[in-house]
């Protein structure tokens, strides 16, 4: 539990601050910003689920919130690094990927002076995303057999071979286990 809380303090809390900073108006009162930060910090799903099951979702959410704040302020390259890091930490960030793609694309277009400048900004942003992914995959890329290692990581990140059934069974099992402890009444070989 303390490792999940520590990750929140190191990543989620600063990420929420960055998001509130990014979306706040310059003349907004400090009390409004503090209230927004506290609302993020006390989110029941994060406190109850993440800290109860050690999911470390706060790391992903913190990185994504910081990235959103950076997009709002026009810092597309920092936002790209932060969002790519959040996405590769937890794939739940795929839900936000279209919004980040179009948000960062809009920043590229808004900050450009013309077509060539816009294309250059998009290209640089793409290179930053690829460089971030390469840095995060470096331990596997630098191994003795990089291709199988990276493919194994991708397979674990996106386990399509398990199918939807296993995912649904796991969700039902987790929901039931709150009230009825299956492990006490059902043989272990039958519990997913």
C-alpha atoms as a PDB file:
ATOM      1  CA  UNK A   1       0.000   0.000   0.000  1.00  0.00           C
ATOM      2  CA  UNK A   2       2.788   2.432   0.807  1.00  0.00           C
ATOM      3  CA  UNK A   3       4.335   1.953  -2.654  1.00  0.00           C
ATOM      4  CA  UNK A   4       1.028   2.943  -4.301  1.00  0.00           C
ATOM      5  CA  UNK A   5       0.785   5.999  -2.073  1.00  0.00           C
ATOM      6  CA  UNK A   6       4.428   6.903  -2.753  1.00  0.00           C
ATOM      7  CA  UNK A   7       3.815   6.700  -6.501  1.00  0.00           C
ATOM      8  CA  UNK A   8       0.872   9.058  -6.077  1.00  0.00           C
ATOM      9  CA  UNK A   9       2.976  11.535  -4.138  1.00  0.00           C
ATOM     10  CA  UNK A  10       5.779  11.397  -6.726  1.00  0.00           C
ATOM     11  CA  UNK A  11       3.716  11.318  -9.947  1.00  0.00           C
ATOM     12  CA  UNK A  12      -0.038  11.767  -9.489  1.00  0.00           C
ATOM     13  CA  UNK A  13       0.042  14.791  -7.172  1.00  0.00           C
ATOM     14  CA  UNK A  14       2.440  16.787  -9.388  1.00  0.00           C
ATOM     15  CA  UNK A  15       0.434  15.694 -12.455  1.00  0.00           C
ATOM     16  CA  UNK A  16      -2.778  17.083 -11.008  1.00  0.00           C
ATOM     17  CA  UNK A  17      -1.022  20.319 -10.140  1.00  0.00           C
ATOM     18  CA  UNK A  18       0.248  20.586 -13.731  1.00  0.00           C
ATOM     19  CA  UNK A  19      -3.247  19.930 -15.129  1.00  0.00           C
ATOM     20  CA  UNK A  20      -4.849  22.544 -12.896  1.00  0.00           C
ATOM     21  CA  UNK A  21      -2.050  24.995 -13.789  1.00  0.00           C
ATOM     22  CA  UNK A  22      -2.565  24.262 -17.489  1.00  0.00           C
ATOM     23  CA  UNK A  23      -6.313  24.781 -17.525  1.00  0.00           C
ATOM     24  CA  UNK A  24      -6.560  27.651 -15.035  1.00  0.00           C
ATOM     25  CA  UNK A  25      -7.170  31.177 -16.173  1.00  0.00           C
ATOM     26  CA  UNK A  26      -4.468  33.641 -15.200  1.00  0.00           C
ATOM     27  CA  UNK A  27      -6.901  35.695 -13.124  1.00  0.00           C
ATOM     28  CA  UNK A  28      -8.445  32.684 -11.370  1.00  0.00           C
ATOM     29  CA  UNK A  29      -8.388  32.792  -7.586  1.00  0.00           C
ATOM     30  CA  UNK A  30      -6.024  30.503  -5.721  1.00  0.00           C
ATOM     31  CA  UNK A  31      -8.932  28.991  -3.794  1.00  0.00           C
ATOM     32  CA  UNK A  32     -10.419  27.617  -7.015  1.00  0.00           C
ATOM     33  CA  UNK A  33      -7.112  26.023  -7.976  1.00  0.00           C
ATOM     34  CA  UNK A  34      -6.642  24.507  -4.537  1.00  0.00           C
ATOM     35  CA  UNK A  35     -10.203  23.113  -4.607  1.00  0.00           C
ATOM     36  CA  UNK A  36      -9.559  21.545  -8.029  1.00  0.00           C
ATOM     37  CA  UNK A  37      -6.298  19.977  -6.866  1.00  0.00           C
ATOM     38  CA  UNK A  38      -7.945  18.574  -3.728  1.00  0.00           C
ATOM     39  CA  UNK A  39     -10.810  17.170  -5.805  1.00  0.00           C
ATOM     40  CA  UNK A  40      -8.272  15.303  -7.959  1.00  0.00           C
ATOM     41  CA  UNK A  41      -6.323  14.079  -4.938  1.00  0.00           C
ATOM     42  CA  UNK A  42      -9.387  12.701  -3.197  1.00  0.00           C
ATOM     43  CA  UNK A  43     -10.949  10.826  -6.134  1.00  0.00           C
ATOM     44  CA  UNK A  44     -12.721   7.824  -4.567  1.00  0.00           C
ATOM     45  CA  UNK A  45     -11.835   5.360  -7.356  1.00  0.00           C
ATOM     46  CA  UNK A  46      -8.172   6.150  -7.005  1.00  0.00           C
ATOM     47  CA  UNK A  47      -8.140   6.060  -3.219  1.00  0.00           C
ATOM     48  CA  UNK A  48     -10.359   2.979  -2.811  1.00  0.00           C
ATOM     49  CA  UNK A  49      -9.473   0.836  -5.803  1.00  0.00           C
ATOM     50  CA  UNK A  50      -5.916   1.788  -6.648  1.00  0.00           C
ATOM     51  CA  UNK A  51      -4.668   1.733  -3.082  1.00  0.00           C
ATOM     52  CA  UNK A  52      -6.709  -1.373  -2.281  1.00  0.00           C
ATOM     53  CA  UNK A  53      -5.491  -3.426  -5.219  1.00  0.00           C
ATOM     54  CA  UNK A  54      -2.091  -1.825  -5.875  1.00  0.00           C
ATOM     55  CA  UNK A  55      -2.926  -0.980  -9.477  1.00  0.00           C
ATOM     56  CA  UNK A  56      -0.618   2.069  -9.673  1.00  0.00           C
ATOM     57  CA  UNK A  57      -3.148   3.830 -11.903  1.00  0.00           C
ATOM     58  CA  UNK A  58      -2.090   7.080 -10.261  1.00  0.00           C
ATOM     59  CA  UNK A  59       1.181   6.952 -12.190  1.00  0.00           C
ATOM     60  CA  UNK A  60      -0.620   6.718 -15.527  1.00  0.00           C
ATOM     61  CA  UNK A  61      -3.233   9.297 -14.556  1.00  0.00           C
ATOM     62  CA  UNK A  62      -0.594  11.676 -13.193  1.00  0.00           C
ATOM     63  CA  UNK A  63       1.431  11.491 -16.386  1.00  0.00           C
ATOM     64  CA  UNK A  64      -1.692  11.967 -18.516  1.00  0.00           C
ATOM     65  CA  UNK A  65      -2.955  14.869 -16.400  1.00  0.00           C
ATOM     66  CA  UNK A  66       0.438  16.559 -16.617  1.00  0.00           C
ATOM     67  CA  UNK A  67       0.400  15.995 -20.375  1.00  0.00           C
ATOM     68  CA  UNK A  68      -3.084  17.535 -20.623  1.00  0.00           C
ATOM     69  CA  UNK A  69      -1.904  20.586 -18.703  1.00  0.00           C
ATOM     70  CA  UNK A  70       1.059  20.918 -21.056  1.00  0.00           C
ATOM     71  CA  UNK A  71      -1.192  20.635 -24.128  1.00  0.00           C
ATOM     72  CA  UNK A  72      -3.436  23.347 -22.688  1.00  0.00           C
ATOM     73  CA  UNK A  73      -0.395  25.628 -22.337  1.00  0.00           C
ATOM     74  CA  UNK A  74       0.968  24.737 -25.802  1.00  0.00           C
ATOM     75  CA  UNK A  75       3.955  22.670 -24.632  1.00  0.00           C
ATOM     76  CA  UNK A  76       3.453  19.896 -27.160  1.00  0.00           C
ATOM     77  CA  UNK A  77       6.850  18.196 -26.863  1.00  0.00           C
ATOM     78  CA  UNK A  78       6.722  17.846 -23.080  1.00  0.00           C
ATOM     79  CA  UNK A  79       3.107  16.708 -23.420  1.00  0.00           C
ATOM     80  CA  UNK A  80       4.184  14.081 -25.955  1.00  0.00           C
ATOM     81  CA  UNK A  81       6.845  12.688 -23.626  1.00  0.00           C
ATOM     82  CA  UNK A  82       4.458  12.612 -20.667  1.00  0.00           C
ATOM     83  CA  UNK A  83       1.558  11.027 -22.543  1.00  0.00           C
ATOM     84  CA  UNK A  84       3.755   8.418 -24.236  1.00  0.00           C
ATOM     85  CA  UNK A  85       5.185   7.532 -20.829  1.00  0.00           C
ATOM     86  CA  UNK A  86       1.700   7.232 -19.344  1.00  0.00           C
ATOM     87  CA  UNK A  87       0.490   5.118 -22.251  1.00  0.00           C
ATOM     88  CA  UNK A  88       3.408   2.723 -22.017  1.00  0.00           C
ATOM     89  CA  UNK A  89       3.005   2.507 -18.246  1.00  0.00           C
ATOM     90  CA  UNK A  90      -0.675   1.547 -18.414  1.00  0.00           C
ATOM     91  CA  UNK A  91      -2.550   0.867 -21.603  1.00  0.00           C
ATOM     92  CA  UNK A  92      -5.759   2.298 -20.171  1.00  0.00           C
ATOM     93  CA  UNK A  93      -4.401   5.594 -21.521  1.00  0.00           C
ATOM     94  CA  UNK A  94      -5.389   4.349 -24.996  1.00  0.00           C
ATOM     95  CA  UNK A  95      -8.831   5.723 -24.181  1.00  0.00           C
ATOM     96  CA  UNK A  96      -7.309   9.199 -24.125  1.00  0.00           C
ATOM     97  CA  UNK A  97      -5.049   8.734 -27.158  1.00  0.00           C
ATOM     98  CA  UNK A  98      -7.409  10.245 -29.760  1.00  0.00           C
ATOM     99  CA  UNK A  99      -7.929  13.350 -27.622  1.00  0.00           C
ATOM    100  CA  UNK A 100      -4.181  13.770 -27.109  1.00  0.00           C
ATOM    101  CA  UNK A 101      -3.475  13.154 -30.786  1.00  0.00           C
ATOM    102  CA  UNK A 102      -5.866  15.855 -31.919  1.00  0.00           C
ATOM    103  CA  UNK A 103      -4.948  18.203 -29.075  1.00  0.00           C
ATOM    104  CA  UNK A 104      -1.244  18.010 -29.880  1.00  0.00           C
ATOM    105  CA  UNK A 105      -1.988  18.252 -33.605  1.00  0.00           C
ATOM    106  CA  UNK A 106      -4.018  21.402 -32.926  1.00  0.00           C
ATOM    107  CA  UNK A 107      -1.087  22.896 -31.001  1.00  0.00           C
ATOM    108  CA  UNK A 108       1.223  22.078 -33.935  1.00  0.00           C
ATOM    109  CA  UNK A 109      -1.125  23.781 -36.390  1.00  0.00           C
ATOM    110  CA  UNK A 110      -1.819  26.760 -34.126  1.00  0.00           C
ATOM    111  CA  UNK A 111       1.885  27.407 -33.509  1.00  0.00           C
ATOM    112  CA  UNK A 112       2.909  27.063 -37.163  1.00  0.00           C
ATOM    113  CA  UNK A 113       3.382  29.849 -39.684  1.00  0.00           C
ATOM    114  CA  UNK A 114       2.353  27.782 -42.683  1.00  0.00           C
ATOM    115  CA  UNK A 115       2.207  24.310 -44.167  1.00  0.00           C
ATOM    116  CA  UNK A 116       5.944  23.612 -44.046  1.00  0.00           C
ATOM    117  CA  UNK A 117       6.201  24.832 -40.460  1.00  0.00           C
ATOM    118  CA  UNK A 118       3.174  22.746 -39.465  1.00  0.00           C
ATOM    119  CA  UNK A 119       4.525  19.593 -41.090  1.00  0.00           C
ATOM    120  CA  UNK A 120       7.897  20.178 -39.412  1.00  0.00           C
ATOM    121  CA  UNK A 121       6.241  20.556 -36.000  1.00  0.00           C
ATOM    122  CA  UNK A 122       4.260  17.356 -36.496  1.00  0.00           C
ATOM    123  CA  UNK A 123       7.420  15.522 -37.618  1.00  0.00           C
ATOM    124  CA  UNK A 124       9.417  16.726 -34.616  1.00  0.00           C
ATOM    125  CA  UNK A 125       6.566  15.736 -32.300  1.00  0.00           C
ATOM    126  CA  UNK A 126       6.481  12.281 -33.897  1.00  0.00           C
ATOM    127  CA  UNK A 127      10.230  11.914 -33.402  1.00  0.00           C
ATOM    128  CA  UNK A 128       9.855  12.877 -29.738  1.00  0.00           C
ATOM    129  CA  UNK A 129       7.169  10.200 -29.306  1.00  0.00           C
ATOM    130  CA  UNK A 130       9.385   7.573 -30.981  1.00  0.00           C
ATOM    131  CA  UNK A 131      12.435   8.623 -28.957  1.00  0.00           C
ATOM    132  CA  UNK A 132      10.419   8.396 -25.734  1.00  0.00           C
ATOM    133  CA  UNK A 133       9.181   4.923 -26.661  1.00  0.00           C
ATOM    134  CA  UNK A 134      12.736   3.868 -27.564  1.00  0.00           C
ATOM    135  CA  UNK A 135      14.045   5.096 -24.195  1.00  0.00           C
ATOM    136  CA  UNK A 136      11.322   3.246 -22.324  1.00  0.00           C
ATOM    137  CA  UNK A 137      11.920   0.066 -24.334  1.00  0.00           C
ATOM    138  CA  UNK A 138      15.730   0.388 -24.030  1.00  0.00           C
ATOM    139  CA  UNK A 139      16.141  -2.466 -21.527  1.00  0.00           C
ATOM    140  CA  UNK A 140      14.617  -4.864 -24.029  1.00  0.00           C
ATOM    141  CA  UNK A 141      16.088  -3.241 -27.140  1.00  0.00           C
ATOM    142  CA  UNK A 142      19.605  -3.516 -25.710  1.00  0.00           C
ATOM    143  CA  UNK A 143      19.250  -7.173 -24.732  1.00  0.00           C
ATOM    144  CA  UNK A 144      20.791 -10.103 -26.555  1.00  0.00           C
ATOM    145  CA  UNK A 145      17.585 -10.815 -28.530  1.00  0.00           C
ATOM    146  CA  UNK A 146      15.731  -7.500 -28.846  1.00  0.00           C
ATOM    147  CA  UNK A 147      12.981  -8.448 -31.301  1.00  0.00           C
ATOM    148  CA  UNK A 148      11.572 -11.414 -29.346  1.00  0.00           C
ATOM    149  CA  UNK A 149      11.899  -9.450 -26.109  1.00  0.00           C
ATOM    150  CA  UNK A 150       9.986  -6.442 -27.457  1.00  0.00           C
ATOM    151  CA  UNK A 151       7.347  -8.675 -29.037  1.00  0.00           C
ATOM    152  CA  UNK A 152       6.890 -10.415 -25.681  1.00  0.00           C
ATOM    153  CA  UNK A 153       6.407  -7.063 -23.941  1.00  0.00           C
ATOM    154  CA  UNK A 154       3.864  -5.990 -26.561  1.00  0.00           C
ATOM    155  CA  UNK A 155       2.096  -9.344 -26.215  1.00  0.00           C
ATOM    156  CA  UNK A 156       1.861  -8.813 -22.449  1.00  0.00           C
ATOM    157  CA  UNK A 157       0.653  -5.245 -22.918  1.00  0.00           C
ATOM    158  CA  UNK A 158      -2.047  -6.267 -25.384  1.00  0.00           C
ATOM    159  CA  UNK A 159      -2.987  -9.917 -24.639  1.00  0.00           C
ATOM    160  CA  UNK A 160      -5.416 -10.407 -27.514  1.00  0.00           C
ATOM    161  CA  UNK A 161      -4.936 -14.177 -27.425  1.00  0.00           C
ATOM    162  CA  UNK A 162      -6.761 -14.392 -24.069  1.00  0.00           C
ATOM    163  CA  UNK A 163      -9.922 -13.052 -25.646  1.00  0.00           C
ATOM    164  CA  UNK A 164     -12.725 -11.082 -24.053  1.00  0.00           C
ATOM    165  CA  UNK A 165     -14.086 -13.989 -22.029  1.00  0.00           C
ATOM    166  CA  UNK A 166     -11.150 -14.061 -19.602  1.00  0.00           C
ATOM    167  CA  UNK A 167     -11.370 -10.315 -19.074  1.00  0.00           C
ATOM    168  CA  UNK A 168     -15.083 -10.502 -18.291  1.00  0.00           C
ATOM    169  CA  UNK A 169     -14.612 -13.478 -15.949  1.00  0.00           C
ATOM    170  CA  UNK A 170     -11.876 -11.602 -14.078  1.00  0.00           C
ATOM    171  CA  UNK A 171     -14.128  -8.562 -13.681  1.00  0.00           C
ATOM    172  CA  UNK A 172     -17.001 -10.689 -12.370  1.00  0.00           C
ATOM    173  CA  UNK A 173     -14.664 -12.558 -10.017  1.00  0.00           C
ATOM    174  CA  UNK A 174     -13.252  -9.315  -8.603  1.00  0.00           C
ATOM    175  CA  UNK A 175     -16.766  -7.930  -8.115  1.00  0.00           C
ATOM    176  CA  UNK A 176     -18.039 -11.061  -6.380  1.00  0.00           C
ATOM    177  CA  UNK A 177     -14.964 -11.364  -4.131  1.00  0.00           C
ATOM    178  CA  UNK A 178     -15.923  -8.182  -2.274  1.00  0.00           C
ATOM    179  CA  UNK A 179     -18.925  -9.943  -0.714  1.00  0.00           C
ATOM    180  CA  UNK A 180     -18.334 -13.657  -1.297  1.00  0.00           C
ATOM    181  CA  UNK A 181     -14.804 -15.009  -0.915  1.00  0.00           C
ATOM    182  CA  UNK A 182     -14.705 -17.647  -3.656  1.00  0.00           C
ATOM    183  CA  UNK A 183     -11.312 -18.928  -2.517  1.00  0.00           C
ATOM    184  CA  UNK A 184     -12.831 -20.142   0.762  1.00  0.00           C
ATOM    185  CA  UNK A 185     -15.704 -22.108  -0.761  1.00  0.00           C
ATOM    186  CA  UNK A 186     -14.607 -23.086  -4.260  1.00  0.00           C
ATOM    187  CA  UNK A 187     -11.536 -25.233  -5.052  1.00  0.00           C
ATOM    188  CA  UNK A 188      -8.604 -23.102  -6.265  1.00  0.00           C
ATOM    189  CA  UNK A 189      -8.452 -24.869  -9.643  1.00  0.00           C
ATOM    190  CA  UNK A 190     -11.971 -23.586 -10.422  1.00  0.00           C
ATOM    191  CA  UNK A 191     -11.351 -19.956  -9.477  1.00  0.00           C
ATOM    192  CA  UNK A 192     -10.075 -17.847 -12.416  1.00  0.00           C
END
